[in-house]
N, C-alpha and C. Protein backbone atom coordinates (compact mmCIF):
# COMPACT_ATOMS: atom_id res chain seq x y z
N MET A 1 10.70 41.80 12.29
CA MET A 1 10.39 40.62 11.52
C MET A 1 9.59 39.63 12.38
N SER A 2 8.76 38.87 11.76
CA SER A 2 7.87 38.00 12.51
C SER A 2 8.49 36.66 12.85
N GLY A 3 9.63 36.30 12.29
CA GLY A 3 10.26 35.04 12.60
C GLY A 3 9.76 33.88 11.75
N LYS A 4 8.82 34.12 10.84
CA LYS A 4 8.31 33.06 9.98
C LYS A 4 9.06 33.13 8.65
N ASN A 5 9.30 31.97 8.08
CA ASN A 5 9.98 31.98 6.80
C ASN A 5 8.98 32.24 5.67
N LYS A 6 9.52 32.40 4.45
CA LYS A 6 8.67 32.79 3.33
C LYS A 6 7.61 31.76 2.99
N SER A 7 7.96 30.49 3.02
CA SER A 7 6.98 29.46 2.63
C SER A 7 5.82 29.41 3.62
N THR A 8 6.08 29.63 4.90
CA THR A 8 4.99 29.65 5.88
C THR A 8 4.07 30.84 5.65
N ARG A 9 4.66 31.99 5.36
CA ARG A 9 3.83 33.17 5.10
C ARG A 9 3.02 33.00 3.84
N ARG A 10 3.57 32.37 2.81
CA ARG A 10 2.83 32.13 1.57
C ARG A 10 1.66 31.18 1.80
N LYS A 11 1.89 30.13 2.58
CA LYS A 11 0.81 29.19 2.87
C LYS A 11 -0.32 29.87 3.64
N GLU A 12 0.03 30.72 4.60
CA GLU A 12 -1.00 31.43 5.35
C GLU A 12 -1.75 32.41 4.47
N ALA A 13 -1.04 33.11 3.58
CA ALA A 13 -1.70 34.05 2.68
C ALA A 13 -2.59 33.30 1.70
N SER A 14 -2.15 32.14 1.24
CA SER A 14 -2.95 31.34 0.32
C SER A 14 -4.23 30.85 0.99
N SER A 15 -4.13 30.38 2.23
CA SER A 15 -5.34 29.91 2.92
C SER A 15 -6.28 31.09 3.21
N ASN A 16 -5.72 32.27 3.51
CA ASN A 16 -6.57 33.44 3.70
C ASN A 16 -7.28 33.81 2.41
N ASN A 17 -6.61 33.65 1.27
CA ASN A 17 -7.24 33.95 -0.02
C ASN A 17 -8.44 33.04 -0.25
N TYR A 18 -8.30 31.75 0.07
CA TYR A 18 -9.42 30.84 -0.14
C TYR A 18 -10.57 31.14 0.81
N VAL A 19 -10.27 31.55 2.00
CA VAL A 19 -11.33 31.94 2.94
C VAL A 19 -12.08 33.15 2.38
N ARG A 20 -11.33 34.10 1.84
CA ARG A 20 -11.97 35.30 1.28
C ARG A 20 -12.81 34.95 0.05
N ILE A 21 -12.36 33.99 -0.73
CA ILE A 21 -13.15 33.56 -1.89
C ILE A 21 -14.44 32.90 -1.42
N PHE A 22 -14.39 32.08 -0.38
CA PHE A 22 -15.61 31.47 0.15
C PHE A 22 -16.54 32.52 0.75
N VAL A 23 -15.99 33.55 1.35
CA VAL A 23 -16.82 34.63 1.88
C VAL A 23 -17.51 35.37 0.73
N GLY A 24 -16.78 35.63 -0.34
CA GLY A 24 -17.38 36.26 -1.51
C GLY A 24 -18.47 35.40 -2.12
N SER A 25 -18.27 34.10 -2.14
CA SER A 25 -19.29 33.18 -2.65
C SER A 25 -20.53 33.21 -1.77
N ALA A 26 -20.32 33.25 -0.47
CA ALA A 26 -21.46 33.32 0.45
C ALA A 26 -22.22 34.63 0.28
N VAL A 27 -21.48 35.73 0.10
CA VAL A 27 -22.13 37.03 -0.15
C VAL A 27 -22.99 36.96 -1.41
N SER A 28 -22.44 36.35 -2.44
CA SER A 28 -23.17 36.24 -3.70
C SER A 28 -24.42 35.38 -3.56
N ALA A 29 -24.31 34.24 -2.90
CA ALA A 29 -25.46 33.36 -2.74
C ALA A 29 -26.55 33.99 -1.88
N VAL A 30 -26.15 34.61 -0.79
CA VAL A 30 -27.13 35.26 0.09
C VAL A 30 -27.83 36.40 -0.65
N MET A 31 -27.05 37.17 -1.40
CA MET A 31 -27.63 38.26 -2.17
C MET A 31 -28.63 37.74 -3.22
N PHE A 32 -28.26 36.66 -3.90
CA PHE A 32 -29.13 36.08 -4.92
C PHE A 32 -30.45 35.64 -4.32
N PHE A 33 -30.39 34.90 -3.22
CA PHE A 33 -31.63 34.40 -2.62
C PHE A 33 -32.43 35.52 -1.97
N ALA A 34 -31.78 36.55 -1.47
CA ALA A 34 -32.52 37.70 -0.92
C ALA A 34 -33.26 38.43 -2.04
N PHE A 35 -32.58 38.63 -3.17
CA PHE A 35 -33.24 39.26 -4.31
C PHE A 35 -34.43 38.42 -4.78
N LEU A 36 -34.25 37.10 -4.85
CA LEU A 36 -35.35 36.24 -5.28
C LEU A 36 -36.51 36.27 -4.30
N ALA A 37 -36.22 36.33 -3.01
CA ALA A 37 -37.30 36.39 -2.02
C ALA A 37 -38.07 37.70 -2.13
N LEU A 38 -37.34 38.80 -2.33
CA LEU A 38 -38.02 40.10 -2.50
C LEU A 38 -38.86 40.12 -3.78
N PHE A 39 -38.33 39.53 -4.85
CA PHE A 39 -39.10 39.48 -6.09
C PHE A 39 -40.32 38.58 -5.93
N ALA A 40 -40.19 37.49 -5.17
CA ALA A 40 -41.34 36.62 -4.95
C ALA A 40 -42.45 37.35 -4.18
N LEU A 41 -42.05 38.12 -3.17
CA LEU A 41 -43.06 38.92 -2.45
C LEU A 41 -43.71 39.95 -3.37
N PHE A 42 -42.90 40.60 -4.18
CA PHE A 42 -43.42 41.59 -5.11
C PHE A 42 -44.36 40.96 -6.13
N SER A 43 -43.97 39.80 -6.66
CA SER A 43 -44.81 39.17 -7.69
C SER A 43 -46.10 38.62 -7.10
N LEU A 44 -46.08 38.15 -5.86
CA LEU A 44 -47.32 37.70 -5.22
C LEU A 44 -48.26 38.86 -4.96
N LYS A 45 -47.70 39.99 -4.56
CA LYS A 45 -48.52 41.16 -4.24
C LYS A 45 -49.13 41.78 -5.49
N ASN A 46 -48.32 41.86 -6.58
CA ASN A 46 -48.77 42.56 -7.77
C ASN A 46 -49.21 41.67 -8.91
N GLY A 47 -49.07 40.37 -8.78
CA GLY A 47 -49.49 39.46 -9.84
C GLY A 47 -48.63 39.57 -11.09
N THR A 48 -47.34 39.48 -10.95
CA THR A 48 -46.41 39.57 -12.07
C THR A 48 -46.56 38.35 -12.97
N LYS A 49 -46.40 38.56 -14.28
CA LYS A 49 -46.52 37.46 -15.24
C LYS A 49 -45.36 36.50 -15.08
N SER A 50 -45.62 35.24 -15.35
CA SER A 50 -44.59 34.21 -15.19
C SER A 50 -43.51 34.29 -16.26
N THR A 51 -43.72 35.04 -17.31
CA THR A 51 -42.69 35.18 -18.34
C THR A 51 -41.51 36.02 -17.85
N LEU A 52 -41.68 36.74 -16.77
CA LEU A 52 -40.60 37.57 -16.23
C LEU A 52 -39.69 36.82 -15.27
N TYR A 53 -40.04 35.60 -14.87
CA TYR A 53 -39.27 34.91 -13.85
C TYR A 53 -37.84 34.62 -14.29
N VAL A 54 -37.65 34.10 -15.48
CA VAL A 54 -36.31 33.74 -15.95
C VAL A 54 -35.45 34.98 -16.19
N PRO A 55 -35.92 36.02 -16.89
CA PRO A 55 -35.06 37.19 -17.07
C PRO A 55 -34.70 37.90 -15.76
N VAL A 56 -35.64 37.94 -14.84
CA VAL A 56 -35.35 38.56 -13.55
C VAL A 56 -34.35 37.72 -12.76
N GLY A 57 -34.48 36.40 -12.82
CA GLY A 57 -33.51 35.53 -12.17
C GLY A 57 -32.12 35.68 -12.76
N ILE A 58 -32.03 35.85 -14.07
CA ILE A 58 -30.74 36.06 -14.72
C ILE A 58 -30.15 37.40 -14.31
N ALA A 59 -30.98 38.42 -14.23
CA ALA A 59 -30.49 39.74 -13.79
C ALA A 59 -29.99 39.69 -12.36
N PHE A 60 -30.71 38.96 -11.49
CA PHE A 60 -30.27 38.82 -10.10
C PHE A 60 -28.98 38.03 -10.02
N ALA A 61 -28.83 37.01 -10.87
CA ALA A 61 -27.58 36.24 -10.90
C ALA A 61 -26.42 37.12 -11.34
N LEU A 62 -26.67 38.00 -12.28
CA LEU A 62 -25.63 38.91 -12.75
C LEU A 62 -25.20 39.88 -11.65
N LEU A 63 -26.17 40.49 -11.00
CA LEU A 63 -25.86 41.44 -9.92
C LEU A 63 -25.15 40.77 -8.74
N SER A 64 -25.66 39.63 -8.33
CA SER A 64 -25.05 38.96 -7.18
C SER A 64 -23.68 38.37 -7.53
N GLY A 65 -23.49 37.95 -8.77
CA GLY A 65 -22.18 37.45 -9.19
C GLY A 65 -21.13 38.53 -9.18
N VAL A 66 -21.48 39.71 -9.67
CA VAL A 66 -20.54 40.84 -9.66
C VAL A 66 -20.21 41.23 -8.22
N ALA A 67 -21.22 41.30 -7.37
CA ALA A 67 -20.99 41.66 -5.96
C ALA A 67 -20.14 40.62 -5.25
N GLY A 68 -20.38 39.34 -5.52
CA GLY A 68 -19.60 38.29 -4.89
C GLY A 68 -18.15 38.28 -5.36
N GLY A 69 -17.93 38.48 -6.66
CA GLY A 69 -16.57 38.56 -7.18
C GLY A 69 -15.83 39.76 -6.62
N PHE A 70 -16.53 40.87 -6.51
CA PHE A 70 -15.92 42.07 -5.94
C PHE A 70 -15.57 41.86 -4.47
N ALA A 71 -16.50 41.26 -3.72
CA ALA A 71 -16.26 41.03 -2.29
C ALA A 71 -15.14 40.03 -2.06
N ALA A 72 -14.97 39.08 -2.96
CA ALA A 72 -13.92 38.08 -2.79
C ALA A 72 -12.55 38.63 -3.13
N VAL A 73 -12.45 39.45 -4.17
CA VAL A 73 -11.15 39.86 -4.69
C VAL A 73 -10.67 41.18 -4.11
N ARG A 74 -11.54 42.02 -3.64
CA ARG A 74 -11.12 43.34 -3.16
C ARG A 74 -10.09 43.27 -2.03
N PRO A 75 -10.23 42.39 -1.04
CA PRO A 75 -9.18 42.32 -0.02
C PRO A 75 -7.87 41.72 -0.55
N ILE A 76 -7.94 40.87 -1.56
CA ILE A 76 -6.76 40.19 -2.09
C ILE A 76 -5.98 41.10 -3.04
N LYS A 77 -6.69 41.80 -3.93
CA LYS A 77 -6.14 42.77 -4.88
C LYS A 77 -5.16 42.15 -5.87
N GLN A 78 -5.39 40.90 -6.26
CA GLN A 78 -4.58 40.27 -7.30
C GLN A 78 -5.38 39.13 -7.91
N LYS A 79 -5.03 38.76 -9.13
CA LYS A 79 -5.65 37.65 -9.85
C LYS A 79 -7.17 37.79 -9.87
N GLY A 80 -7.66 38.94 -10.33
CA GLY A 80 -9.08 39.25 -10.27
C GLY A 80 -9.96 38.32 -11.06
N VAL A 81 -9.54 37.98 -12.29
CA VAL A 81 -10.38 37.12 -13.13
C VAL A 81 -10.46 35.72 -12.54
N ALA A 82 -9.32 35.17 -12.15
CA ALA A 82 -9.29 33.79 -11.64
C ALA A 82 -10.04 33.66 -10.31
N TYR A 83 -9.73 34.53 -9.37
CA TYR A 83 -10.39 34.45 -8.07
C TYR A 83 -11.87 34.82 -8.16
N GLY A 84 -12.20 35.79 -9.00
CA GLY A 84 -13.60 36.16 -9.17
C GLY A 84 -14.40 35.05 -9.82
N ALA A 85 -13.80 34.39 -10.84
CA ALA A 85 -14.49 33.27 -11.49
C ALA A 85 -14.64 32.09 -10.53
N LEU A 86 -13.63 31.86 -9.69
CA LEU A 86 -13.73 30.79 -8.69
C LEU A 86 -14.84 31.09 -7.69
N SER A 87 -14.93 32.33 -7.27
CA SER A 87 -16.02 32.73 -6.38
C SER A 87 -17.38 32.55 -7.06
N GLY A 88 -17.45 32.94 -8.33
CA GLY A 88 -18.69 32.77 -9.08
C GLY A 88 -19.05 31.31 -9.29
N LEU A 89 -18.03 30.46 -9.48
CA LEU A 89 -18.27 29.03 -9.65
C LEU A 89 -18.83 28.42 -8.37
N ILE A 90 -18.24 28.76 -7.25
CA ILE A 90 -18.72 28.21 -5.97
C ILE A 90 -20.13 28.68 -5.67
N SER A 91 -20.39 29.96 -5.88
CA SER A 91 -21.74 30.47 -5.60
C SER A 91 -22.76 29.92 -6.60
N SER A 92 -22.37 29.73 -7.86
CA SER A 92 -23.31 29.18 -8.83
C SER A 92 -23.61 27.71 -8.52
N LEU A 93 -22.61 26.96 -8.06
CA LEU A 93 -22.87 25.57 -7.66
C LEU A 93 -23.81 25.51 -6.46
N LEU A 94 -23.61 26.41 -5.52
CA LEU A 94 -24.48 26.46 -4.35
C LEU A 94 -25.92 26.82 -4.74
N CYS A 95 -26.05 27.88 -5.52
CA CYS A 95 -27.39 28.33 -5.93
C CYS A 95 -28.06 27.31 -6.84
N SER A 96 -27.29 26.72 -7.76
CA SER A 96 -27.87 25.73 -8.66
C SER A 96 -28.33 24.49 -7.92
N SER A 97 -27.57 24.06 -6.92
CA SER A 97 -27.98 22.87 -6.17
C SER A 97 -29.26 23.14 -5.37
N VAL A 98 -29.37 24.32 -4.79
CA VAL A 98 -30.59 24.65 -4.06
C VAL A 98 -31.78 24.75 -5.03
N LEU A 99 -31.58 25.41 -6.16
CA LEU A 99 -32.66 25.54 -7.14
C LEU A 99 -33.02 24.19 -7.76
N PHE A 100 -32.03 23.30 -7.91
CA PHE A 100 -32.28 21.96 -8.42
C PHE A 100 -33.20 21.18 -7.48
N VAL A 101 -32.96 21.30 -6.19
CA VAL A 101 -33.79 20.60 -5.21
C VAL A 101 -35.19 21.22 -5.16
N VAL A 102 -35.25 22.54 -5.23
CA VAL A 102 -36.55 23.22 -5.16
C VAL A 102 -37.40 22.90 -6.39
N ASN A 103 -36.75 22.74 -7.57
CA ASN A 103 -37.48 22.45 -8.80
C ASN A 103 -37.88 20.98 -8.92
N GLY A 104 -37.69 20.19 -7.92
CA GLY A 104 -38.09 18.79 -7.97
C GLY A 104 -37.12 17.95 -8.77
N ASN A 105 -35.82 18.17 -8.61
CA ASN A 105 -34.75 17.43 -9.28
C ASN A 105 -34.82 17.52 -10.80
N LYS A 106 -35.22 18.69 -11.30
CA LYS A 106 -35.24 18.94 -12.74
C LYS A 106 -34.30 20.10 -13.03
N ALA A 107 -33.39 19.89 -13.95
CA ALA A 107 -32.45 20.94 -14.33
C ALA A 107 -32.82 21.42 -15.72
N GLY A 108 -33.40 22.59 -15.81
CA GLY A 108 -33.73 23.18 -17.10
C GLY A 108 -32.54 23.93 -17.65
N SER A 109 -32.71 24.44 -18.85
CA SER A 109 -31.62 25.19 -19.48
C SER A 109 -31.35 26.50 -18.74
N GLY A 110 -32.36 27.04 -18.09
CA GLY A 110 -32.18 28.28 -17.34
C GLY A 110 -31.21 28.13 -16.18
N LEU A 111 -31.14 26.92 -15.62
CA LEU A 111 -30.23 26.66 -14.51
C LEU A 111 -28.78 26.71 -14.97
N PHE A 112 -28.51 26.19 -16.16
CA PHE A 112 -27.15 26.21 -16.69
C PHE A 112 -26.76 27.60 -17.16
N ILE A 113 -27.70 28.32 -17.69
CA ILE A 113 -27.45 29.71 -18.09
C ILE A 113 -27.15 30.55 -16.85
N LEU A 114 -27.89 30.33 -15.79
CA LEU A 114 -27.66 31.03 -14.54
C LEU A 114 -26.26 30.77 -14.00
N ALA A 115 -25.81 29.52 -14.06
CA ALA A 115 -24.47 29.18 -13.56
C ALA A 115 -23.40 29.86 -14.40
N GLY A 116 -23.54 29.84 -15.71
CA GLY A 116 -22.56 30.50 -16.57
C GLY A 116 -22.51 31.99 -16.36
N ILE A 117 -23.66 32.60 -16.17
CA ILE A 117 -23.70 34.05 -15.95
C ILE A 117 -23.08 34.40 -14.61
N MET A 118 -23.32 33.60 -13.59
CA MET A 118 -22.71 33.89 -12.28
C MET A 118 -21.19 33.77 -12.33
N ILE A 119 -20.68 32.81 -13.08
CA ILE A 119 -19.22 32.65 -13.20
C ILE A 119 -18.62 33.84 -13.94
N LEU A 120 -19.22 34.22 -15.06
CA LEU A 120 -18.70 35.37 -15.82
C LEU A 120 -18.85 36.67 -15.05
N ALA A 121 -19.95 36.83 -14.33
CA ALA A 121 -20.14 38.04 -13.54
C ALA A 121 -19.16 38.10 -12.38
N GLY A 122 -18.86 36.96 -11.77
CA GLY A 122 -17.86 36.93 -10.71
C GLY A 122 -16.48 37.33 -11.22
N ALA A 123 -16.14 36.86 -12.43
CA ALA A 123 -14.86 37.25 -13.03
C ALA A 123 -14.84 38.75 -13.32
N ALA A 124 -15.96 39.29 -13.79
CA ALA A 124 -16.03 40.73 -14.05
C ALA A 124 -15.93 41.53 -12.75
N GLY A 125 -16.59 41.08 -11.71
CA GLY A 125 -16.50 41.75 -10.41
C GLY A 125 -15.10 41.71 -9.84
N GLY A 126 -14.42 40.59 -10.02
CA GLY A 126 -13.03 40.48 -9.58
C GLY A 126 -12.11 41.41 -10.35
N THR A 127 -12.35 41.55 -11.65
CA THR A 127 -11.55 42.47 -12.46
C THR A 127 -11.76 43.91 -12.02
N VAL A 128 -12.99 44.27 -11.75
CA VAL A 128 -13.28 45.62 -11.27
C VAL A 128 -12.62 45.86 -9.93
N ALA A 129 -12.65 44.87 -9.04
CA ALA A 129 -12.06 45.03 -7.71
C ALA A 129 -10.56 45.24 -7.77
N VAL A 130 -9.89 44.55 -8.69
CA VAL A 130 -8.44 44.70 -8.81
C VAL A 130 -8.08 46.05 -9.41
N ASN A 131 -8.85 46.49 -10.40
CA ASN A 131 -8.51 47.70 -11.13
C ASN A 131 -9.08 48.97 -10.54
N LEU A 132 -9.84 48.88 -9.46
CA LEU A 132 -10.42 50.06 -8.85
C LEU A 132 -9.35 50.84 -8.11
N LYS A 133 -9.24 52.09 -8.45
CA LYS A 133 -8.25 52.97 -7.82
C LYS A 133 -8.97 53.83 -6.79
N LEU A 134 -8.41 53.89 -5.60
CA LEU A 134 -8.96 54.76 -4.57
C LEU A 134 -8.39 56.15 -4.72
N ARG A 135 -9.22 57.14 -4.62
CA ARG A 135 -8.79 58.52 -4.74
C ARG A 135 -8.25 59.02 -3.42
N LYS A 136 -7.19 59.77 -3.49
CA LYS A 136 -6.63 60.36 -2.29
C LYS A 136 -7.36 61.64 -1.97
N LYS A 137 -7.63 61.85 -0.71
CA LYS A 137 -8.28 63.09 -0.28
C LYS A 137 -7.21 64.09 0.08
N TYR A 138 -7.33 65.26 -0.45
CA TYR A 138 -6.33 66.31 -0.18
C TYR A 138 -6.85 67.32 0.78
C-alpha cells in the first residue's frame, strides 16, 4: 500500500485527468493548425477555389476534434462524452480565438459552426476511446 488515503488518491487522479484533457486539447489544436497550414500550401500551389475554404476547415475541425477527444480520454477510460466534449471545448476556444485574431476581430458564422463541430467531434472521439476494446494476441 502506498500510505495515501482515498481522498488524496482521488485528488491526484482528478488532477491527472485534467492534465490529460489539456494534452488532448493541445493535440487537437496542433493537428487543426497543421492541417490548415498544409491545405494553405496546397491551395497556393494549385490555385484552389475559395469556396472550398469553409468546408475543408470544417472537415479539419471534425478530424482534429475526434483525435483530440480520443487522445484525452484513452488514458482515462471513463466518462468519454464529458471529457471528450471538455477537450473539444478547450481546443475550439483556442482555435476560435486564434482565428478571430487572424480574421481581424470578425467572428463569422463559420467560426461558431467550427466550435460546435469540434465540441461534438471531441465527444465522439471520447466515446470511441472508452468503448474501444483491445484484442488479445494468442
